Amino acid sequence: MRYKIVILFLIVLLSCGHQQSSGPFSIRYGKGYKEITDGIGRRFVLVSKNTKNISYEKSRVIKIPIKKAVVYSGYTAALIKELGHVNSIVGVVVEKKNWHIPEIRKGLETGKIVYLGEFSAIDYEKLSALKPDVVFTWDEGLIPKLEEIGIPCVITSTKIAPNLSEHIRLILFLSAFYNEEEKAKRFIKEQFRRIEEISHKLKSVSHKPKVIWGDIYPKKVLVEPENSWAAEAVRKAGGKYLFNDVQGASCMQITVEKFFSRAKDADILITYRGPEEGITSKKAFKEASELLKTIEIKPMNEGKIYFTGWRLWETADTAGIIYELASIFHPKLFPLKKHNYFFEIK
């Protein structure tokens, strides 16, 4: 009988209201309800605080606006801050030294925000004691445990790398939890207005530096695929991305042969590994990889190498990231005194 009620409840939701979506994420509006779909297609029902007796499994019902959230991703935290609710974050899985959002650092210092341990070794007792309204995570392995203890677990990542629009519009999905959809829409509109301004300035540019974005490890290489927001950001900033025939998940592994066949001609390599991992120079970068000791690539010599650091993943300002890339690719058109996201390794 209970399952029949749940099914009926879903049918009612699906048959009324309107829907907004970006990639796999969606929000369907019904009378007094919001039905959302997360990054792996799981459905949740968002209801007001006063709603009672919802015939739906506990871990899939979330009362909004939420007051307490645990976040795994710095980008999720940045978007929540943009919505004006950074104070709702009560737990994280990134250490204080790696946070650049001032409110998160201060919260960890004062104990208002709890560090729950590395994602692979979460302290579930601490997590349960926080009594969060929701956990926003990319870790699907967390789902069974949180369902067991009755805490909603919403996946904010996708199997396929999000494109630029999906990356920016994730804020709209998160806004549903705070009843801040109008604020999210204004933010999205402004982001795309600024990106369009950059594109307009680049219309007369003919020369585009050749760019690769990925990581070189001792025995493997990872790259951002053509469909990713990172690759699109390079193109929007006036660069020529060299892995436009690679499709898949963020930072995906490809063959060494394919990587180096492109890297040998690249003007710029963007990597996630920098001083935080002991990579302080081109020499140190080469010494950290057996592959680089045997194969020459242009960015190691006359080209340039930039690392991103944690700041890139802790900002909601994607337009600002693209402007900074444009300042690297075309400094005369886009003057910038200080870099916040990309730092050169010499």
Protein backbone atom coordinates (compact mmCIF):
# COMPACT_ATOMS: atom_id res chain seq x y z
CA MET A 1 0.00 0.00 0.00
CA ARG A 2 2.84 2.39 0.94
CA TYR A 3 4.52 1.91 -2.45
CA LYS A 4 1.23 2.63 -4.26
CA ILE A 5 1.00 5.94 -2.39
CA VAL A 6 4.58 6.80 -3.36
CA ILE A 7 3.91 6.01 -7.03
CA LEU A 8 0.71 8.07 -6.99
CA PHE A 9 2.59 10.92 -5.35
CA LEU A 10 5.20 10.85 -8.13
CA ILE A 11 2.55 10.73 -10.86
CA VAL A 12 0.94 13.86 -9.44
CA LEU A 13 4.30 15.61 -9.33
CA LEU A 14 5.21 14.62 -12.87
CA SER A 15 1.90 15.73 -14.31
CA CYS A 16 1.90 19.32 -13.09
CA GLY A 17 4.08 22.38 -12.98
CA HIS A 18 7.06 23.29 -15.16
CA GLN A 19 10.62 22.06 -15.35
CA GLN A 20 14.06 23.64 -15.59
CA SER A 21 17.09 21.56 -16.42
CA SER A 22 20.79 21.69 -17.24
CA GLY A 23 22.30 18.42 -18.38
CA PRO A 24 21.15 15.61 -16.07
CA PHE A 25 20.15 18.05 -13.31
CA SER A 26 16.54 19.16 -13.27
CA ILE A 27 13.95 20.87 -11.11
CA ARG A 28 10.27 20.10 -11.64
CA TYR A 29 7.86 22.45 -9.91
CA GLY A 30 4.57 21.15 -8.56
CA LYS A 31 2.03 22.71 -6.23
CA GLY A 32 3.91 23.05 -2.96
CA TYR A 33 6.70 20.72 -4.09
CA LYS A 34 9.89 20.66 -6.09
CA GLU A 35 11.07 17.38 -7.52
CA ILE A 36 14.78 17.46 -8.32
CA THR A 37 17.00 15.01 -10.19
CA ASP A 38 20.67 14.83 -9.19
CA GLY A 39 23.77 14.07 -11.26
CA ILE A 40 23.14 10.32 -11.45
CA GLY A 41 19.40 10.49 -12.03
CA ARG A 42 18.15 10.00 -8.44
CA ARG A 43 14.97 11.87 -7.56
CA PHE A 44 14.28 13.84 -4.41
CA VAL A 45 11.29 15.81 -3.21
CA LEU A 46 11.85 19.26 -1.73
CA VAL A 47 9.05 20.42 0.54
CA SER A 48 8.44 23.37 2.83
CA LYS A 49 9.26 23.12 6.53
CA ASN A 50 5.56 23.02 7.40
CA THR A 51 4.76 20.04 5.17
CA LYS A 52 3.96 16.88 7.13
CA ASN A 53 3.16 13.22 6.47
CA ILE A 54 4.91 12.85 3.12
CA SER A 55 4.67 9.21 2.00
CA TYR A 56 8.18 8.99 0.58
CA GLU A 57 11.34 7.35 1.86
CA LYS A 58 13.00 9.56 4.46
CA SER A 59 16.36 9.89 2.73
CA ARG A 60 14.68 11.31 -0.40
CA VAL A 61 12.60 14.03 1.29
CA ILE A 62 14.35 17.32 1.99
CA LYS A 63 12.68 20.18 3.82
CA ILE A 64 13.59 23.58 2.46
CA PRO A 65 15.04 26.08 2.75
CA ILE A 66 17.88 23.96 4.11
CA LYS A 67 19.77 25.31 7.11
CA LYS A 68 22.69 22.86 7.35
CA ALA A 69 24.69 21.26 4.55
CA VAL A 70 27.81 19.14 4.24
CA VAL A 71 29.75 19.79 1.03
CA TYR A 72 32.48 17.77 -0.66
CA SER A 73 33.31 20.18 -3.48
CA GLY A 74 34.88 23.61 -3.27
CA TYR A 75 32.88 24.64 -6.32
CA THR A 76 29.62 23.64 -4.62
CA ALA A 77 30.66 25.71 -1.60
CA ALA A 78 31.45 28.69 -3.86
CA LEU A 79 28.03 28.51 -5.52
CA ILE A 80 26.30 28.28 -2.15
CA LYS A 81 28.25 31.35 -1.08
CA GLU A 82 27.10 33.15 -4.25
CA LEU A 83 23.51 32.37 -3.24
CA GLY A 84 24.17 34.07 0.11
CA HIS A 85 24.11 30.93 2.25
CA VAL A 86 27.73 30.04 2.95
CA ASN A 87 26.80 30.02 6.66
CA SER A 88 24.67 26.92 6.02
CA ILE A 89 27.84 24.85 5.44
CA VAL A 90 28.58 22.84 8.58
CA GLY A 91 30.90 20.10 7.33
CA VAL A 92 33.61 19.65 4.66
CA VAL A 93 36.11 17.01 3.50
CA VAL A 94 38.90 19.40 2.49
CA GLU A 95 41.46 20.52 5.08
CA LYS A 96 41.66 24.14 6.17
CA LYS A 97 45.05 24.71 4.47
CA ASN A 98 43.45 24.08 1.07
CA TRP A 99 40.49 26.43 1.49
CA HIS A 100 40.58 29.91 -0.05
CA ILE A 101 36.99 30.86 0.76
CA PRO A 102 37.45 33.08 3.85
CA GLU A 103 34.17 32.05 5.50
CA ILE A 104 35.09 28.36 5.25
CA ARG A 105 38.57 28.92 6.70
CA LYS A 106 37.15 30.97 9.56
CA GLY A 107 34.44 28.39 10.20
CA LEU A 108 37.04 25.62 10.45
CA GLU A 109 39.13 27.75 12.81
CA THR A 110 36.22 28.49 15.14
CA GLY A 111 34.66 25.03 14.98
CA LYS A 112 31.49 26.23 13.30
CA ILE A 113 32.46 24.04 10.36
CA VAL A 114 33.72 20.52 10.99
CA TYR A 115 36.42 18.79 8.97
CA LEU A 116 35.09 15.25 8.56
CA GLY A 117 38.30 13.66 7.28
CA GLU A 118 39.44 12.63 3.82
CA PHE A 119 36.60 11.51 1.55
CA SER A 120 37.87 7.92 1.69
CA ALA A 121 37.82 7.86 5.50
CA ILE A 122 34.84 9.93 6.63
CA ASP A 123 34.08 10.11 10.35
CA TYR A 124 30.43 9.04 10.22
CA GLU A 125 29.88 9.74 13.90
CA LYS A 126 30.86 13.38 13.38
CA LEU A 127 28.75 13.54 10.25
CA SER A 128 25.69 12.09 11.97
CA ALA A 129 26.14 14.42 14.96
CA LEU A 130 25.96 17.45 12.64
CA LYS A 131 22.44 16.41 11.56
CA PRO A 132 22.75 18.06 8.14
CA ASP A 133 19.65 18.59 6.03
CA VAL A 134 21.63 17.32 3.03
CA VAL A 135 25.08 16.15 1.95
CA PHE A 136 26.21 17.49 -1.43
CA THR A 137 28.85 15.12 -2.79
CA TRP A 138 30.46 13.63 -5.87
CA ASP A 139 31.12 10.33 -4.05
CA GLU A 140 28.47 7.77 -4.99
CA GLY A 141 29.99 5.32 -2.53
CA LEU A 142 28.55 7.44 0.26
CA ILE A 143 24.94 6.74 -0.73
CA PRO A 144 24.29 3.37 1.04
CA LYS A 145 25.67 4.55 4.38
CA LEU A 146 23.76 7.84 4.35
CA GLU A 147 20.54 6.12 3.32
CA GLU A 148 21.05 3.79 6.27
CA ILE A 149 21.27 6.70 8.72
CA GLY A 150 18.55 8.71 6.96
CA ILE A 151 20.58 11.67 5.66
CA PRO A 152 19.77 12.84 2.10
CA CYS A 153 22.80 12.41 -0.18
CA VAL A 154 22.67 14.47 -3.38
CA ILE A 155 25.24 13.85 -6.14
CA THR A 156 26.46 17.12 -7.66
CA SER A 157 28.76 15.58 -10.30
CA THR A 158 28.04 13.71 -13.53
CA LYS A 159 29.49 10.71 -15.37
CA ILE A 160 30.33 12.93 -18.35
CA ALA A 161 32.24 16.18 -17.88
CA PRO A 162 29.82 19.14 -17.79
CA ASN A 163 30.07 21.70 -20.56
CA LEU A 164 30.41 25.41 -19.81
CA SER A 165 26.67 26.04 -19.63
CA GLU A 166 26.04 23.08 -17.33
CA HIS A 167 28.98 24.08 -15.13
CA ILE A 168 27.65 27.61 -14.62
CA ARG A 169 24.00 26.58 -14.37
CA LEU A 170 24.66 24.14 -11.51
CA ILE A 171 23.90 27.13 -9.28
CA LEU A 172 20.27 26.97 -10.41
CA PHE A 173 20.00 23.36 -9.22
CA LEU A 174 21.51 24.26 -5.84
CA SER A 175 19.30 27.34 -5.54
CA ALA A 176 16.22 25.10 -5.32
CA PHE A 177 17.37 23.95 -1.88
CA TYR A 178 17.47 27.55 -0.62
CA ASN A 179 14.48 29.01 -2.53
CA GLU A 180 16.92 31.34 -4.28
CA GLU A 181 16.11 30.59 -7.92
CA GLU A 182 15.74 34.25 -8.94
CA LYS A 183 19.14 35.10 -7.50
CA ALA A 184 20.66 32.15 -9.40
CA LYS A 185 19.09 33.26 -12.68
CA ARG A 186 20.52 36.76 -12.31
CA PHE A 187 23.93 35.31 -11.60
CA ILE A 188 23.80 33.02 -14.66
CA LYS A 189 22.71 35.89 -16.91
CA GLU A 190 25.59 38.08 -15.72
CA GLN A 191 28.15 35.30 -16.18
CA PHE A 192 27.17 34.75 -19.80
CA ARG A 193 27.05 38.50 -20.47
CA ARG A 194 30.67 38.82 -19.36
CA ILE A 195 31.75 35.77 -21.35
CA GLU A 196 30.09 37.23 -24.44
CA GLU A 197 32.06 40.46 -23.92
CA ILE A 198 35.30 38.44 -24.01
CA SER A 199 34.21 36.60 -27.16
CA HIS A 200 33.32 39.89 -28.85
CA LYS A 201 36.83 41.28 -28.26
CA LEU A 202 38.36 38.16 -29.79
CA LYS A 203 36.47 38.33 -33.09
CA SER A 204 39.37 39.99 -34.90
CA VAL A 205 42.05 37.70 -33.44
CA SER A 206 43.57 35.29 -35.93
CA HIS A 207 46.43 33.73 -33.94
CA LYS A 208 45.35 31.31 -31.22
CA PRO A 209 47.91 29.63 -28.94
CA LYS A 210 47.75 25.83 -28.87
CA VAL A 211 46.68 24.64 -25.43
CA ILE A 212 46.50 21.32 -23.58
CA TRP A 213 44.96 20.90 -20.12
CA GLY A 214 45.78 17.84 -18.05
CA ASP A 215 48.20 16.08 -15.72
CA ILE A 216 51.34 14.08 -16.40
CA TYR A 217 52.05 11.43 -13.77
CA PRO A 218 55.01 9.03 -13.60
CA LYS A 219 53.37 6.48 -15.90
CA LYS A 220 50.04 7.89 -17.04
CA VAL A 221 48.47 11.04 -18.46
CA LEU A 222 45.06 12.65 -17.89
CA VAL A 223 43.40 15.37 -19.96
CA GLU A 224 40.27 17.46 -19.91
CA PRO A 225 38.03 16.22 -22.76
CA GLU A 226 36.62 18.38 -25.55
CA ASN A 227 33.16 18.34 -23.95
CA SER A 228 34.38 19.73 -20.61
CA TRP A 229 33.83 23.27 -19.38
CA ALA A 230 37.62 23.63 -19.08
CA ALA A 231 38.17 22.93 -22.79
CA GLU A 232 35.33 25.29 -23.68
CA ALA A 233 36.83 27.95 -21.41
CA VAL A 234 40.09 27.70 -23.39
CA ARG A 235 38.22 28.17 -26.66
CA LYS A 236 36.15 31.07 -25.28
CA ALA A 237 39.40 32.72 -24.13
CA GLY A 238 40.90 32.60 -27.61
CA GLY A 239 42.97 29.44 -27.40
CA LYS A 240 43.10 26.41 -29.68
CA TYR A 241 42.40 23.31 -27.61
CA LEU A 242 44.35 20.31 -28.89
CA PHE A 243 42.17 17.50 -27.55
CA ASN A 244 38.99 18.32 -29.45
CA ASP A 245 38.58 14.68 -30.45
CA VAL A 246 38.50 13.37 -26.86
CA GLN A 247 35.11 12.90 -25.20
CA GLY A 248 34.31 11.68 -21.71
CA ALA A 249 34.62 12.35 -17.99
CA SER A 250 36.56 15.16 -16.36
CA CYS A 251 40.32 14.63 -16.30
CA MET A 252 40.17 11.32 -18.18
CA GLN A 253 43.08 9.02 -18.93
CA ILE A 254 44.24 8.72 -22.53
CA THR A 255 47.12 6.86 -24.16
CA VAL A 256 50.60 8.22 -23.65
CA GLU A 257 51.13 8.19 -27.41
CA LYS A 258 48.08 10.37 -28.07
CA PHE A 259 49.00 12.83 -25.36
CA PHE A 260 52.58 13.37 -26.48
CA SER A 261 51.67 13.54 -30.17
CA ARG A 262 49.72 16.73 -29.30
CA ALA A 263 51.88 18.02 -26.45
CA LYS A 264 54.98 18.26 -28.64
CA ASP A 265 53.35 21.14 -30.54
CA ALA A 266 51.50 22.86 -27.66
CA ASP A 267 52.33 26.41 -26.70
CA ILE A 268 50.77 26.14 -23.24
CA LEU A 269 50.21 23.29 -20.80
CA ILE A 270 47.74 23.82 -17.96
CA THR A 271 48.10 21.36 -15.10
CA TYR A 272 46.44 20.83 -11.73
CA ARG A 273 49.76 19.91 -10.10
CA GLY A 274 51.91 22.71 -8.71
CA PRO A 275 53.76 23.72 -5.54
CA GLU A 276 51.05 22.06 -3.42
CA GLU A 277 52.35 18.74 -4.83
CA GLY A 278 56.01 19.77 -4.82
CA ILE A 279 56.06 20.96 -8.45
CA THR A 280 57.83 24.31 -8.09
CA SER A 281 59.61 24.52 -11.44
CA LYS A 282 59.78 22.98 -14.90
CA LYS A 283 62.76 20.98 -13.69
CA ALA A 284 60.76 19.59 -10.74
CA PHE A 285 57.85 18.87 -13.10
CA LYS A 286 60.14 16.83 -15.34
CA GLU A 287 61.70 14.96 -12.44
CA ALA A 288 58.23 13.97 -11.15
CA SER A 289 57.47 11.97 -14.31
CA GLU A 290 59.40 9.15 -15.91
CA LEU A 291 57.62 9.99 -19.14
CA LEU A 292 58.93 13.54 -19.30
CA LYS A 293 62.48 12.28 -18.84
CA THR A 294 62.29 10.45 -22.14
CA ILE A 295 59.94 12.57 -24.27
CA GLU A 296 60.34 16.24 -25.15
CA ILE A 297 57.30 18.54 -25.23
CA LYS A 298 57.23 22.16 -26.33
CA PRO A 299 55.82 23.64 -23.06
CA MET A 300 58.89 22.32 -21.19
CA ASN A 301 61.19 24.43 -23.40
CA GLU A 302 60.04 27.53 -25.28
CA GLY A 303 56.39 27.08 -24.28
CA LYS A 304 54.74 27.81 -20.94
CA ILE A 305 53.29 25.74 -18.10
CA TYR A 306 50.60 27.00 -15.71
CA PHE A 307 49.16 25.27 -12.66
CA THR A 308 45.76 26.07 -11.21
CA GLY A 309 45.91 25.32 -7.50
CA TRP A 310 42.82 25.02 -5.30
CA ARG A 311 41.50 28.53 -5.98
CA LEU A 312 40.19 27.54 -9.40
CA TRP A 313 37.77 25.09 -7.77
CA GLU A 314 36.65 27.49 -5.07
CA THR A 315 35.16 30.27 -7.17
CA ALA A 316 31.76 30.69 -8.74
CA ASP A 317 33.19 33.27 -11.16
CA THR A 318 33.72 31.19 -14.31
CA ALA A 319 33.69 34.36 -16.40
CA GLY A 320 36.62 35.58 -14.31
CA ILE A 321 38.49 32.34 -15.03
CA ILE A 322 37.94 32.80 -18.76
CA TYR A 323 39.10 36.43 -18.61
CA GLU A 324 42.28 35.32 -16.86
CA LEU A 325 42.91 32.69 -19.53
CA ALA A 326 42.36 35.35 -22.18
CA SER A 327 44.92 37.56 -20.41
CA ILE A 328 47.45 34.73 -20.74
CA PHE A 329 46.63 33.98 -24.38
CA HIS A 330 46.17 37.63 -25.50
CA PRO A 331 47.73 39.94 -22.87
CA LYS A 332 47.45 43.12 -24.96
CA LEU A 333 43.69 42.70 -25.38
CA PHE A 334 43.06 41.60 -21.80
CA PRO A 335 45.48 43.32 -19.40
CA LEU A 336 45.55 41.86 -15.91
CA LYS A 337 47.91 42.86 -13.09
CA LYS A 338 47.31 39.89 -10.82
CA HIS A 339 46.42 36.27 -11.47
CA ASN A 340 44.08 34.47 -9.11
CA TYR A 341 43.68 31.07 -10.79
CA PHE A 342 46.62 30.32 -13.11
CA PHE A 343 50.25 30.57 -12.01
CA GLU A 344 53.26 30.04 -14.24
CA ILE A 345 55.85 27.37 -13.48
CA LYS A 346 59.25 28.46 -14.81
